[in-house]
Amino acid sequence: MKKIFTAIVVAAGMSTAFAQDFKIKKGEIIIEKQAVAKIEKDDKGYKISSLDGNTWFTANAINITQ
């Protein structure tokens, strides 16, 4: 039991040690203090593109209420 608990604590510590700093500010996605992509709001969702404007991903937000 003691070995399992130790393994869980070590695994939790490792996951936080290798986590990246991720922020979205002023329409830019910033990882580790470096801008990597742009994010814009469209009519129905969001568009994620590279810094030069090439579209990478489009997400449509659909609200389904019963």
C-alpha atoms as a PDB file:
ATOM      1  CA  MET A   1       0.000   0.000   0.000  1.00  0.00           C
ATOM      2  CA  LYS A   2       2.853   2.350   0.830  1.00  0.00           C
ATOM      3  CA  LYS A   3       4.475   1.742  -2.584  1.00  0.00           C
ATOM      4  CA  ILE A   4       1.231   2.507  -4.437  1.00  0.00           C
ATOM      5  CA  PHE A   5       0.757   5.752  -2.515  1.00  0.00           C
ATOM      6  CA  THR A   6       4.359   6.759  -3.248  1.00  0.00           C
ATOM      7  CA  ALA A   7       3.888   6.013  -6.963  1.00  0.00           C
ATOM      8  CA  ILE A   8       0.734   8.165  -7.098  1.00  0.00           C
ATOM      9  CA  VAL A   9       2.465  11.081  -5.353  1.00  0.00           C
ATOM     10  CA  VAL A  10       5.447  10.874  -7.727  1.00  0.00           C
ATOM     11  CA  ALA A  11       3.169  10.730 -10.791  1.00  0.00           C
ATOM     12  CA  ALA A  12       1.192  13.772  -9.607  1.00  0.00           C
ATOM     13  CA  GLY A  13       4.395  15.693  -8.973  1.00  0.00           C
ATOM     14  CA  MET A  14       5.767  14.859 -12.415  1.00  0.00           C
ATOM     15  CA  SER A  15       2.606  16.022 -14.205  1.00  0.00           C
ATOM     16  CA  THR A  16       2.762  19.467 -12.587  1.00  0.00           C
ATOM     17  CA  ALA A  17       6.494  19.761 -13.210  1.00  0.00           C
ATOM     18  CA  PHE A  18       6.063  19.377 -16.982  1.00  0.00           C
ATOM     19  CA  ALA A  19       2.890  21.481 -17.345  1.00  0.00           C
ATOM     20  CA  GLN A  20       2.943  24.370 -19.821  1.00  0.00           C
ATOM     21  CA  ASP A  21       1.831  27.928 -19.157  1.00  0.00           C
ATOM     22  CA  PHE A  22      -1.197  28.510 -21.442  1.00  0.00           C
ATOM     23  CA  LYS A  23      -3.045  31.835 -21.874  1.00  0.00           C
ATOM     24  CA  ILE A  24      -5.385  33.530 -24.333  1.00  0.00           C
ATOM     25  CA  LYS A  25      -4.912  37.298 -24.489  1.00  0.00           C
ATOM     26  CA  LYS A  26      -6.139  39.817 -27.073  1.00  0.00           C
ATOM     27  CA  GLY A  27      -7.008  37.129 -29.624  1.00  0.00           C
ATOM     28  CA  GLU A  28      -3.698  35.256 -29.374  1.00  0.00           C
ATOM     29  CA  ILE A  29      -2.949  31.849 -27.893  1.00  0.00           C
ATOM     30  CA  ILE A  30       0.219  32.143 -25.795  1.00  0.00           C
ATOM     31  CA  ILE A  31       2.234  29.126 -24.616  1.00  0.00           C
ATOM     32  CA  GLU A  32       5.293  29.674 -22.405  1.00  0.00           C
ATOM     33  CA  LYS A  33       5.214  33.472 -23.058  1.00  0.00           C
ATOM     34  CA  GLN A  34       5.332  33.023 -26.854  1.00  0.00           C
ATOM     35  CA  ALA A  35       2.412  33.649 -29.228  1.00  0.00           C
ATOM     36  CA  VAL A  36       1.715  30.502 -31.277  1.00  0.00           C
ATOM     37  CA  ALA A  37      -1.709  31.099 -32.870  1.00  0.00           C
ATOM     38  CA  LYS A  38      -4.601  33.536 -33.277  1.00  0.00           C
ATOM     39  CA  ILE A  39      -8.185  32.916 -32.172  1.00  0.00           C
ATOM     40  CA  GLU A  40     -11.166  34.826 -33.572  1.00  0.00           C
ATOM     41  CA  LYS A  41     -14.882  34.628 -32.874  1.00  0.00           C
ATOM     42  CA  ASP A  42     -17.059  33.905 -35.920  1.00  0.00           C
ATOM     43  CA  ASP A  43     -20.842  34.034 -36.260  1.00  0.00           C
ATOM     44  CA  LYS A  44     -21.377  30.517 -34.877  1.00  0.00           C
ATOM     45  CA  GLY A  45     -18.106  29.664 -33.157  1.00  0.00           C
ATOM     46  CA  TYR A  46     -14.357  30.228 -33.153  1.00  0.00           C
ATOM     47  CA  LYS A  47     -11.582  30.097 -35.758  1.00  0.00           C
ATOM     48  CA  ILE A  48      -8.014  29.183 -34.767  1.00  0.00           C
ATOM     49  CA  SER A  49      -5.326  30.171 -37.243  1.00  0.00           C
ATOM     50  CA  SER A  50      -1.567  30.502 -37.451  1.00  0.00           C
ATOM     51  CA  LEU A  51       0.113  33.852 -36.859  1.00  0.00           C
ATOM     52  CA  ASP A  52       0.272  34.492 -40.615  1.00  0.00           C
ATOM     53  CA  GLY A  53      -3.479  33.844 -41.065  1.00  0.00           C
ATOM     54  CA  ASN A  54      -3.707  30.254 -42.367  1.00  0.00           C
ATOM     55  CA  THR A  55      -6.764  28.564 -40.818  1.00  0.00           C
ATOM     56  CA  TRP A  56      -5.949  25.512 -38.684  1.00  0.00           C
ATOM     57  CA  PHE A  57      -9.231  24.733 -36.972  1.00  0.00           C
ATOM     58  CA  THR A  58     -12.836  25.935 -36.912  1.00  0.00           C
ATOM     59  CA  ALA A  59     -15.122  25.159 -33.968  1.00  0.00           C
ATOM     60  CA  ASN A  60     -18.862  25.730 -34.265  1.00  0.00           C
ATOM     61  CA  ALA A  61     -20.796  26.218 -31.053  1.00  0.00           C
ATOM     62  CA  ILE A  62     -24.251  24.688 -31.355  1.00  0.00           C
ATOM     63  CA  ASN A  63     -26.754  25.126 -28.546  1.00  0.00           C
ATOM     64  CA  ILE A  64     -29.283  22.296 -28.490  1.00  0.00           C
ATOM     65  CA  THR A  65     -32.024  22.756 -25.914  1.00  0.00           C
ATOM     66  CA  GLN A  66     -34.831  20.239 -25.621  1.00  0.00           C
END
